[in-house]
Amino acid sequence: MGKKAILLSAVLTSLLGAGFVGYKHAKAQDQELSPEEEIRLVQEFNRMLAEGINPGEIWAEMGKEAFKKYNLDKCDFGLGPGKIEGALAQLPRYFPDAKKVMDLETRIGWCLQQYAGMTPDQVKKFAKECWGKRQCMGEYDAIVMYISMASNGYKINVNLKDPQVKKMYEIGKRIYYTRLGPWDFNCATCHAGQKEARIRATRLWSADRPGEAGKAISIFPKYLVRWSQPMTMHYRYAECIRQMRWPTFEPHSDLAVALSTFLYATGNGTEIKVPGIGR
């Protein structure tokens, strides 16, 4: 572990307290925070931003080990087996071996079945290990972080000239703007339109304002201070869909890939800067 990772580990340990040990320590996310705790988290978040500290980088150190442990060095993420530098930037894309368009997380799930011998149910459980928890250091999140950070500095370049990718983009766009569920919500309810919208103090990005979708998705996985752990893109989808009261979202689904294709293609040209950090 490098000097920066050691420093980050020390910061994370101080945030979580002496009780933090190992990969899988976790608490429920739905524990209500006191006003004092909310204030402390905001102050801690602002301090991290000012000092350039992002504990999410620790997951990349773990992910490097897990990448080899699960034989993902045999996986082709679009640039050849085991090659991950710049891989995220050209995803989603069509993979002939799987005969479908895949984003990063879906490709990881497919390769875990092919090279780590996991069943689809095992992959799903692995991917959702830290959902609904706090202070959880799961290997799946670490793998996503490790591969994603290898594309830092690259610009998103989803190939919409590929008819398979273009088709998935159009499906994702329709889903994004289609109202569903008992509340008649869609993704655009919060993240579309030219007029600025806010939820409390948080300014909401819009897919209709140039550059904003790219800035929003190019920092995922994103470290959340209030949970003391990162959030992957598929987990972000799951939380949004849960809040909209849509049917339950599953990772690595066609729905996930369609949304990723629409959002990442909309963000074409945006530089990847992982991990992001948020309160």
C-alpha atoms as a PDB file:
ATOM      1  CA  MET A   1       0.000   0.000   0.000  1.00  0.00           C
ATOM      2  CA  GLY A   2       1.416   3.410  -1.026  1.00  0.00           C
ATOM      3  CA  LYS A   3       1.921   6.442   1.211  1.00  0.00           C
ATOM      4  CA  LYS A   4      -1.264   8.114  -0.059  1.00  0.00           C
ATOM      5  CA  ALA A   5      -3.302   4.976   0.612  1.00  0.00           C
ATOM      6  CA  ILE A   6      -1.855   4.721   4.113  1.00  0.00           C
ATOM      7  CA  LEU A   7      -2.858   8.357   4.758  1.00  0.00           C
ATOM      8  CA  LEU A   8      -6.339   7.727   3.400  1.00  0.00           C
ATOM      9  CA  SER A   9      -6.670   4.609   5.541  1.00  0.00           C
ATOM     10  CA  ALA A  10      -5.794   6.634   8.605  1.00  0.00           C
ATOM     11  CA  VAL A  11      -8.410   9.252   7.692  1.00  0.00           C
ATOM     12  CA  LEU A  12     -11.061   6.583   7.140  1.00  0.00           C
ATOM     13  CA  THR A  13     -10.248   4.887  10.422  1.00  0.00           C
ATOM     14  CA  SER A  14     -10.587   8.190  12.254  1.00  0.00           C
ATOM     15  CA  LEU A  15     -13.970   8.771  10.609  1.00  0.00           C
ATOM     16  CA  LEU A  16     -15.339   5.361  11.445  1.00  0.00           C
ATOM     17  CA  GLY A  17     -13.802   5.006  14.863  1.00  0.00           C
ATOM     18  CA  ALA A  18     -11.711   2.301  16.437  1.00  0.00           C
ATOM     19  CA  GLY A  19     -14.424  -0.288  15.818  1.00  0.00           C
ATOM     20  CA  PHE A  20     -13.724  -0.340  12.075  1.00  0.00           C
ATOM     21  CA  VAL A  21     -11.946  -3.558  11.134  1.00  0.00           C
ATOM     22  CA  GLY A  22     -11.803  -5.466   7.834  1.00  0.00           C
ATOM     23  CA  TYR A  23     -13.805  -5.433   4.618  1.00  0.00           C
ATOM     24  CA  LYS A  24     -17.337  -6.264   5.711  1.00  0.00           C
ATOM     25  CA  HIS A  25     -18.082  -4.217   8.824  1.00  0.00           C
ATOM     26  CA  ALA A  26     -21.368  -2.436   8.141  1.00  0.00           C
ATOM     27  CA  LYS A  27     -24.257  -0.535   9.674  1.00  0.00           C
ATOM     28  CA  ALA A  28     -27.709   0.169   8.292  1.00  0.00           C
ATOM     29  CA  GLN A  29     -27.983   3.293   6.133  1.00  0.00           C
ATOM     30  CA  ASP A  30     -31.428   4.129   7.409  1.00  0.00           C
ATOM     31  CA  GLN A  31     -30.194   5.033  10.892  1.00  0.00           C
ATOM     32  CA  GLU A  32     -31.464   8.567  11.506  1.00  0.00           C
ATOM     33  CA  LEU A  33     -28.727  11.141  12.084  1.00  0.00           C
ATOM     34  CA  SER A  34     -28.993  13.848  14.700  1.00  0.00           C
ATOM     35  CA  PRO A  35     -28.689  17.515  13.601  1.00  0.00           C
ATOM     36  CA  GLU A  36     -25.301  17.611  15.283  1.00  0.00           C
ATOM     37  CA  GLU A  37     -24.139  14.580  13.298  1.00  0.00           C
ATOM     38  CA  GLU A  38     -25.403  16.118  10.057  1.00  0.00           C
ATOM     39  CA  ILE A  39     -23.406  19.274  10.800  1.00  0.00           C
ATOM     40  CA  ARG A  40     -20.310  17.219  11.579  1.00  0.00           C
ATOM     41  CA  LEU A  41     -20.603  15.345   8.294  1.00  0.00           C
ATOM     42  CA  VAL A  42     -20.947  18.564   6.305  1.00  0.00           C
ATOM     43  CA  GLN A  43     -17.878  19.983   8.042  1.00  0.00           C
ATOM     44  CA  GLU A  44     -15.945  16.769   7.395  1.00  0.00           C
ATOM     45  CA  PHE A  45     -17.029  16.756   3.753  1.00  0.00           C
ATOM     46  CA  ASN A  46     -15.907  20.364   3.264  1.00  0.00           C
ATOM     47  CA  ARG A  47     -12.566  19.619   4.941  1.00  0.00           C
ATOM     48  CA  MET A  48     -11.940  16.646   2.654  1.00  0.00           C
ATOM     49  CA  LEU A  49     -12.708  18.719  -0.424  1.00  0.00           C
ATOM     50  CA  ALA A  50     -10.367  21.497   0.720  1.00  0.00           C
ATOM     51  CA  GLU A  51      -7.525  19.075   1.465  1.00  0.00           C
ATOM     52  CA  GLY A  52      -8.006  16.904  -1.618  1.00  0.00           C
ATOM     53  CA  ILE A  53      -8.687  13.815   0.505  1.00  0.00           C
ATOM     54  CA  ASN A  54     -11.027  11.127  -0.778  1.00  0.00           C
ATOM     55  CA  PRO A  55     -11.255   7.943   1.316  1.00  0.00           C
ATOM     56  CA  GLY A  56     -12.910   6.257  -1.661  1.00  0.00           C
ATOM     57  CA  GLU A  57      -9.453   5.683  -3.095  1.00  0.00           C
ATOM     58  CA  ILE A  58      -8.850   3.011  -0.446  1.00  0.00           C
ATOM     59  CA  TRP A  59     -11.369   0.804  -2.246  1.00  0.00           C
ATOM     60  CA  ALA A  60      -9.138   0.856  -5.321  1.00  0.00           C
ATOM     61  CA  GLU A  61      -6.311  -0.663  -3.275  1.00  0.00           C
ATOM     62  CA  MET A  62      -8.648  -3.461  -2.215  1.00  0.00           C
ATOM     63  CA  GLY A  63      -9.987  -3.779  -5.736  1.00  0.00           C
ATOM     64  CA  LYS A  64      -6.546  -4.445  -7.181  1.00  0.00           C
ATOM     65  CA  GLU A  65      -6.297  -7.569  -5.017  1.00  0.00           C
ATOM     66  CA  ALA A  66      -9.897  -8.656  -5.663  1.00  0.00           C
ATOM     67  CA  PHE A  67      -9.409  -8.178  -9.423  1.00  0.00           C
ATOM     68  CA  LYS A  68      -6.768 -10.926  -9.401  1.00  0.00           C
ATOM     69  CA  LYS A  69      -8.541 -13.037  -6.785  1.00  0.00           C
ATOM     70  CA  TYR A  70     -11.597 -13.415  -9.039  1.00  0.00           C
ATOM     71  CA  ASN A  71      -9.563 -13.939 -12.233  1.00  0.00           C
ATOM     72  CA  LEU A  72     -10.765 -10.718 -13.809  1.00  0.00           C
ATOM     73  CA  ASP A  73      -7.368 -10.329 -15.458  1.00  0.00           C
ATOM     74  CA  LYS A  74      -8.841 -12.779 -17.994  1.00  0.00           C
ATOM     75  CA  CYS A  75     -11.793 -10.501 -18.680  1.00  0.00           C
ATOM     76  CA  ASP A  76     -11.900  -8.335 -21.794  1.00  0.00           C
ATOM     77  CA  PHE A  77     -13.424  -4.967 -20.949  1.00  0.00           C
ATOM     78  CA  GLY A  78     -13.193  -3.900 -24.569  1.00  0.00           C
ATOM     79  CA  LEU A  79      -9.460  -3.333 -24.909  1.00  0.00           C
ATOM     80  CA  GLY A  80      -8.176  -6.897 -24.501  1.00  0.00           C
ATOM     81  CA  PRO A  81      -8.021  -9.362 -21.584  1.00  0.00           C
ATOM     82  CA  GLY A  82      -6.996  -7.690 -18.329  1.00  0.00           C
ATOM     83  CA  LYS A  83      -6.542  -4.238 -19.899  1.00  0.00           C
ATOM     84  CA  ILE A  84      -8.414  -1.673 -17.860  1.00  0.00           C
ATOM     85  CA  GLU A  85      -6.662   1.637 -18.539  1.00  0.00           C
ATOM     86  CA  GLY A  86      -9.242   3.721 -20.388  1.00  0.00           C
ATOM     87  CA  ALA A  87     -11.794   0.891 -20.387  1.00  0.00           C
ATOM     88  CA  LEU A  88     -14.544   2.792 -18.579  1.00  0.00           C
ATOM     89  CA  ALA A  89     -14.289   5.659 -21.074  1.00  0.00           C
ATOM     90  CA  GLN A  90     -15.499   3.487 -23.976  1.00  0.00           C
ATOM     91  CA  LEU A  91     -18.334   1.787 -22.111  1.00  0.00           C
ATOM     92  CA  PRO A  92     -21.121   0.839 -22.622  1.00  0.00           C
ATOM     93  CA  ARG A  93     -20.258  -1.085 -25.789  1.00  0.00           C
ATOM     94  CA  TYR A  94     -21.317  -4.216 -27.643  1.00  0.00           C
ATOM     95  CA  PHE A  95     -19.471  -7.410 -26.652  1.00  0.00           C
ATOM     96  CA  PRO A  96     -19.615 -10.211 -29.264  1.00  0.00           C
ATOM     97  CA  ASP A  97     -18.815 -12.924 -26.686  1.00  0.00           C
ATOM     98  CA  ALA A  98     -21.881 -12.006 -24.610  1.00  0.00           C
ATOM     99  CA  LYS A  99     -23.875 -10.925 -27.670  1.00  0.00           C
ATOM    100  CA  LYS A 100     -25.150  -7.796 -25.942  1.00  0.00           C
ATOM    101  CA  VAL A 101     -24.345  -4.220 -24.972  1.00  0.00           C
ATOM    102  CA  MET A 102     -22.829  -3.968 -21.497  1.00  0.00           C
ATOM    103  CA  ASP A 103     -21.735  -1.191 -19.168  1.00  0.00           C
ATOM    104  CA  LEU A 104     -18.851  -1.670 -16.742  1.00  0.00           C
ATOM    105  CA  GLU A 105     -20.770  -3.273 -13.882  1.00  0.00           C
ATOM    106  CA  THR A 106     -22.691  -5.614 -16.164  1.00  0.00           C
ATOM    107  CA  ARG A 107     -19.442  -6.705 -17.786  1.00  0.00           C
ATOM    108  CA  ILE A 108     -17.905  -7.344 -14.358  1.00  0.00           C
ATOM    109  CA  GLY A 109     -20.914  -9.488 -13.454  1.00  0.00           C
ATOM    110  CA  TRP A 110     -20.653 -11.472 -16.690  1.00  0.00           C
ATOM    111  CA  CYS A 111     -16.932 -12.070 -16.196  1.00  0.00           C
ATOM    112  CA  LEU A 112     -17.448 -13.166 -12.590  1.00  0.00           C
ATOM    113  CA  GLN A 113     -19.635 -15.928 -13.974  1.00  0.00           C
ATOM    114  CA  GLN A 114     -17.165 -16.834 -16.716  1.00  0.00           C
ATOM    115  CA  TYR A 115     -13.885 -16.702 -14.798  1.00  0.00           C
ATOM    116  CA  ALA A 116     -14.735 -16.862 -11.092  1.00  0.00           C
ATOM    117  CA  GLY A 117     -17.348 -19.608 -11.411  1.00  0.00           C
ATOM    118  CA  MET A 118     -20.151 -17.603  -9.797  1.00  0.00           C
ATOM    119  CA  THR A 119     -23.794 -18.282 -10.553  1.00  0.00           C
ATOM    120  CA  PRO A 120     -26.075 -15.378 -11.562  1.00  0.00           C
ATOM    121  CA  ASP A 121     -27.594 -15.366  -8.059  1.00  0.00           C
ATOM    122  CA  GLN A 122     -24.153 -15.305  -6.451  1.00  0.00           C
ATOM    123  CA  VAL A 123     -23.121 -12.396  -8.655  1.00  0.00           C
ATOM    124  CA  LYS A 124     -26.249 -10.462  -7.738  1.00  0.00           C
ATOM    125  CA  LYS A 125     -25.656 -11.065  -4.024  1.00  0.00           C
ATOM    126  CA  PHE A 126     -22.002 -10.059  -4.424  1.00  0.00           C
ATOM    127  CA  ALA A 127     -22.967  -6.817  -6.186  1.00  0.00           C
ATOM    128  CA  LYS A 128     -25.571  -5.896  -3.544  1.00  0.00           C
ATOM    129  CA  GLU A 129     -23.438  -6.785  -0.526  1.00  0.00           C
ATOM    130  CA  CYS A 130     -23.206  -3.187   0.699  1.00  0.00           C
ATOM    131  CA  TRP A 131     -26.612  -1.939  -0.404  1.00  0.00           C
ATOM    132  CA  GLY A 132     -28.533  -0.449   2.499  1.00  0.00           C
ATOM    133  CA  LYS A 133     -25.479  -0.395   4.752  1.00  0.00           C
ATOM    134  CA  ARG A 134     -22.934   2.062   6.096  1.00  0.00           C
ATOM    135  CA  GLN A 135     -19.229   1.588   6.706  1.00  0.00           C
ATOM    136  CA  CYS A 136     -19.205  -1.423   4.395  1.00  0.00           C
ATOM    137  CA  MET A 137     -16.060  -2.386   2.482  1.00  0.00           C
ATOM    138  CA  GLY A 138     -17.255  -4.876  -0.111  1.00  0.00           C
ATOM    139  CA  GLU A 139     -15.040  -6.483  -2.718  1.00  0.00           C
ATOM    140  CA  TYR A 140     -17.474  -5.775  -5.550  1.00  0.00           C
ATOM    141  CA  ASP A 141     -17.423  -2.025  -4.874  1.00  0.00           C
ATOM    142  CA  ALA A 142     -13.634  -2.247  -4.648  1.00  0.00           C
ATOM    143  CA  ILE A 143     -13.385  -3.938  -8.054  1.00  0.00           C
ATOM    144  CA  VAL A 144     -15.608  -1.289  -9.649  1.00  0.00           C
ATOM    145  CA  MET A 145     -13.518   1.455  -8.057  1.00  0.00           C
ATOM    146  CA  TYR A 146     -10.214  -0.087  -9.168  1.00  0.00           C
ATOM    147  CA  ILE A 147     -11.279  -0.488 -12.797  1.00  0.00           C
ATOM    148  CA  SER A 148     -12.969   2.925 -12.911  1.00  0.00           C
ATOM    149  CA  MET A 149      -9.965   4.808 -11.535  1.00  0.00           C
ATOM    150  CA  ALA A 150      -7.805   3.307 -14.281  1.00  0.00           C
ATOM    151  CA  SER A 151      -9.706   5.590 -16.689  1.00  0.00           C
ATOM    152  CA  ASN A 152      -9.057   8.827 -14.819  1.00  0.00           C
ATOM    153  CA  GLY A 153      -8.010  11.518 -17.268  1.00  0.00           C
ATOM    154  CA  TYR A 154      -9.707   9.790 -20.203  1.00  0.00           C
ATOM    155  CA  LYS A 155     -12.722  11.387 -21.846  1.00  0.00           C
ATOM    156  CA  ILE A 156     -16.000   9.492 -22.164  1.00  0.00           C
ATOM    157  CA  ASN A 157     -16.368   8.206 -25.718  1.00  0.00           C
ATOM    158  CA  VAL A 158     -19.400   5.959 -26.152  1.00  0.00           C
ATOM    159  CA  ASN A 159     -19.616   4.810 -29.773  1.00  0.00           C
ATOM    160  CA  LEU A 160     -23.106   5.721 -30.970  1.00  0.00           C
ATOM    161  CA  LYS A 161     -22.172   4.724 -34.522  1.00  0.00           C
ATOM    162  CA  ASP A 162     -22.515   1.104 -33.434  1.00  0.00           C
ATOM    163  CA  PRO A 163     -26.177   0.246 -34.173  1.00  0.00           C
ATOM    164  CA  GLN A 164     -26.431  -2.004 -31.100  1.00  0.00           C
ATOM    165  CA  VAL A 165     -25.204   0.789 -28.836  1.00  0.00           C
ATOM    166  CA  LYS A 166     -27.403   3.368 -30.563  1.00  0.00           C
ATOM    167  CA  LYS A 167     -30.451   1.139 -30.051  1.00  0.00           C
ATOM    168  CA  MET A 168     -29.691   0.794 -26.332  1.00  0.00           C
ATOM    169  CA  TYR A 169     -29.176   4.561 -26.107  1.00  0.00           C
ATOM    170  CA  GLU A 170     -32.643   5.200 -27.551  1.00  0.00           C
ATOM    171  CA  ILE A 171     -34.190   2.703 -25.121  1.00  0.00           C
ATOM    172  CA  GLY A 172     -32.419   4.391 -22.221  1.00  0.00           C
ATOM    173  CA  LYS A 173     -33.612   7.805 -23.348  1.00  0.00           C
ATOM    174  CA  ARG A 174     -37.220   6.609 -23.490  1.00  0.00           C
ATOM    175  CA  ILE A 175     -36.931   5.113 -20.014  1.00  0.00           C
ATOM    176  CA  TYR A 176     -35.393   8.312 -18.662  1.00  0.00           C
ATOM    177  CA  TYR A 177     -38.328  10.443 -19.782  1.00  0.00           C
ATOM    178  CA  THR A 178     -41.167   7.932 -19.220  1.00  0.00           C
ATOM    179  CA  ARG A 179     -43.363   8.467 -16.165  1.00  0.00           C
ATOM    180  CA  LEU A 180     -44.179   5.321 -14.184  1.00  0.00           C
ATOM    181  CA  GLY A 181     -45.289   4.126 -10.772  1.00  0.00           C
ATOM    182  CA  PRO A 182     -47.861   5.371  -8.256  1.00  0.00           C
ATOM    183  CA  TRP A 183     -46.256   8.812  -8.093  1.00  0.00           C
ATOM    184  CA  ASP A 184     -45.979   9.204 -11.884  1.00  0.00           C
ATOM    185  CA  PHE A 185     -42.250   9.955 -11.554  1.00  0.00           C
ATOM    186  CA  ASN A 186     -39.376   9.548 -13.971  1.00  0.00           C
ATOM    187  CA  CYS A 187     -35.647  10.289 -13.956  1.00  0.00           C
ATOM    188  CA  ALA A 188     -36.433  13.612 -15.606  1.00  0.00           C
ATOM    189  CA  THR A 189     -38.542  14.691 -12.619  1.00  0.00           C
ATOM    190  CA  CYS A 190     -35.324  15.621 -10.843  1.00  0.00           C
ATOM    191  CA  HIS A 191     -32.731  15.619 -13.619  1.00  0.00           C
ATOM    192  CA  ALA A 192     -34.110  17.327 -16.729  1.00  0.00           C
ATOM    193  CA  GLY A 193     -35.252  20.739 -17.924  1.00  0.00           C
ATOM    194  CA  GLN A 194     -33.499  24.054 -18.438  1.00  0.00           C
ATOM    195  CA  LYS A 195     -34.740  25.590 -15.200  1.00  0.00           C
ATOM    196  CA  GLU A 196     -32.590  25.052 -12.120  1.00  0.00           C
ATOM    197  CA  ALA A 197     -34.128  22.851  -9.420  1.00  0.00           C
ATOM    198  CA  ARG A 198     -33.063  22.040  -5.876  1.00  0.00           C
ATOM    199  CA  ILE A 199     -33.816  19.541  -3.133  1.00  0.00           C
ATOM    200  CA  ARG A 200     -33.130  21.457   0.046  1.00  0.00           C
ATOM    201  CA  ALA A 201     -29.628  22.919  -0.511  1.00  0.00           C
ATOM    202  CA  THR A 202     -28.641  20.497  -3.276  1.00  0.00           C
ATOM    203  CA  ARG A 203     -28.673  21.799  -6.846  1.00  0.00           C
ATOM    204  CA  LEU A 204     -29.892  19.072  -9.199  1.00  0.00           C
ATOM    205  CA  TRP A 205     -28.069  18.432 -12.465  1.00  0.00           C
ATOM    206  CA  SER A 206     -30.065  18.189 -15.685  1.00  0.00           C
ATOM    207  CA  ALA A 207     -29.570  15.956 -18.726  1.00  0.00           C
ATOM    208  CA  ASP A 208     -31.001  18.821 -20.787  1.00  0.00           C
ATOM    209  CA  ARG A 209     -28.356  21.360 -19.763  1.00  0.00           C
ATOM    210  CA  PRO A 210     -25.131  20.867 -21.754  1.00  0.00           C
ATOM    211  CA  GLY A 211     -22.310  19.198 -19.848  1.00  0.00           C
ATOM    212  CA  GLU A 212     -24.187  18.503 -16.633  1.00  0.00           C
ATOM    213  CA  ALA A 213     -24.943  14.807 -17.186  1.00  0.00           C
ATOM    214  CA  GLY A 214     -21.294  14.174 -17.998  1.00  0.00           C
ATOM    215  CA  LYS A 215     -20.090  15.918 -14.855  1.00  0.00           C
ATOM    216  CA  ALA A 216     -22.575  13.913 -12.788  1.00  0.00           C
ATOM    217  CA  ILE A 217     -21.740  10.430 -14.077  1.00  0.00           C
ATOM    218  CA  SER A 218     -18.001  10.872 -14.696  1.00  0.00           C
ATOM    219  CA  ILE A 219     -17.280  10.826 -10.944  1.00  0.00           C
ATOM    220  CA  PHE A 220     -18.897   7.440 -10.209  1.00  0.00           C
ATOM    221  CA  PRO A 221     -18.197   5.452  -8.111  1.00  0.00           C
ATOM    222  CA  LYS A 222     -18.714   8.311  -5.677  1.00  0.00           C
ATOM    223  CA  TYR A 223     -17.681   8.311  -2.011  1.00  0.00           C
ATOM    224  CA  LEU A 224     -20.493   9.391   0.327  1.00  0.00           C
ATOM    225  CA  VAL A 225     -19.330  10.833   3.628  1.00  0.00           C
ATOM    226  CA  ARG A 226     -22.637  10.119   5.394  1.00  0.00           C
ATOM    227  CA  TRP A 227     -22.324   6.402   4.608  1.00  0.00           C
ATOM    228  CA  SER A 228     -18.534   6.177   4.883  1.00  0.00           C
ATOM    229  CA  GLN A 229     -18.434   4.133   1.677  1.00  0.00           C
ATOM    230  CA  PRO A 230     -18.646   4.557  -2.099  1.00  0.00           C
ATOM    231  CA  MET A 231     -21.745   4.237  -4.247  1.00  0.00           C
ATOM    232  CA  THR A 232     -21.528   2.567  -7.648  1.00  0.00           C
ATOM    233  CA  MET A 233     -23.593   3.657 -10.632  1.00  0.00           C
ATOM    234  CA  HIS A 234     -25.967   0.695 -10.391  1.00  0.00           C
ATOM    235  CA  TYR A 235     -26.539   1.384  -6.703  1.00  0.00           C
ATOM    236  CA  ARG A 236     -27.321   4.998  -7.606  1.00  0.00           C
ATOM    237  CA  TYR A 237     -29.925   3.774 -10.103  1.00  0.00           C
ATOM    238  CA  ALA A 238     -31.403   1.468  -7.464  1.00  0.00           C
ATOM    239  CA  GLU A 239     -31.778   4.291  -4.944  1.00  0.00           C
ATOM    240  CA  CYS A 240     -33.389   6.651  -7.451  1.00  0.00           C
ATOM    241  CA  ILE A 241     -35.796   3.972  -8.627  1.00  0.00           C
ATOM    242  CA  ARG A 242     -36.671   3.047  -5.039  1.00  0.00           C
ATOM    243  CA  GLN A 243     -37.455   6.685  -4.272  1.00  0.00           C
ATOM    244  CA  MET A 244     -39.653   6.925  -7.390  1.00  0.00           C
ATOM    245  CA  ARG A 245     -41.559   3.803  -6.251  1.00  0.00           C
ATOM    246  CA  TRP A 246     -40.811   2.002  -9.507  1.00  0.00           C
ATOM    247  CA  PRO A 247     -40.509  -1.815  -9.553  1.00  0.00           C
ATOM    248  CA  THR A 248     -37.410  -3.096  -7.747  1.00  0.00           C
ATOM    249  CA  PHE A 249     -34.180  -2.464  -9.636  1.00  0.00           C
ATOM    250  CA  GLU A 250     -31.677  -5.274 -10.148  1.00  0.00           C
ATOM    251  CA  PRO A 251     -27.991  -4.723 -10.917  1.00  0.00           C
ATOM    252  CA  HIS A 252     -26.646  -5.792 -14.329  1.00  0.00           C
ATOM    253  CA  SER A 253     -30.142  -5.666 -15.839  1.00  0.00           C
ATOM    254  CA  ASP A 254     -31.002  -4.404 -19.316  1.00  0.00           C
ATOM    255  CA  LEU A 255     -32.612  -1.423 -17.594  1.00  0.00           C
ATOM    256  CA  ALA A 256     -29.278  -0.540 -15.979  1.00  0.00           C
ATOM    257  CA  VAL A 257     -27.405  -0.858 -19.264  1.00  0.00           C
ATOM    258  CA  ALA A 258     -29.980   1.253 -21.117  1.00  0.00           C
ATOM    259  CA  LEU A 259     -29.739   4.055 -18.546  1.00  0.00           C
ATOM    260  CA  SER A 260     -25.937   3.879 -18.574  1.00  0.00           C
ATOM    261  CA  THR A 261     -25.829   4.021 -22.363  1.00  0.00           C
ATOM    262  CA  PHE A 262     -28.057   7.089 -22.466  1.00  0.00           C
ATOM    263  CA  LEU A 263     -26.261   8.919 -19.654  1.00  0.00           C
ATOM    264  CA  TYR A 264     -22.678   8.101 -20.628  1.00  0.00           C
ATOM    265  CA  ALA A 265     -23.317   8.876 -24.303  1.00  0.00           C
ATOM    266  CA  THR A 266     -24.934  12.156 -23.258  1.00  0.00           C
ATOM    267  CA  GLY A 267     -21.730  12.803 -21.315  1.00  0.00           C
ATOM    268  CA  ASN A 268     -19.415  12.103 -24.272  1.00  0.00           C
ATOM    269  CA  GLY A 269     -16.325  14.308 -24.100  1.00  0.00           C
ATOM    270  CA  THR A 270     -16.347  14.627 -20.303  1.00  0.00           C
ATOM    271  CA  GLU A 271     -13.145  13.750 -18.472  1.00  0.00           C
ATOM    272  CA  ILE A 272     -13.429  10.914 -15.950  1.00  0.00           C
ATOM    273  CA  LYS A 273     -12.501  11.877 -12.394  1.00  0.00           C
ATOM    274  CA  VAL A 274     -13.134   8.943 -10.054  1.00  0.00           C
ATOM    275  CA  PRO A 275     -13.964   8.775  -7.216  1.00  0.00           C
ATOM    276  CA  GLY A 276     -16.265  11.700  -6.708  1.00  0.00           C
ATOM    277  CA  ILE A 277     -17.166  12.745  -3.191  1.00  0.00           C
ATOM    278  CA  GLY A 278     -20.470  13.846  -1.748  1.00  0.00           C
ATOM    279  CA  ARG A 279     -22.112  14.394   1.589  1.00  0.00           C
END
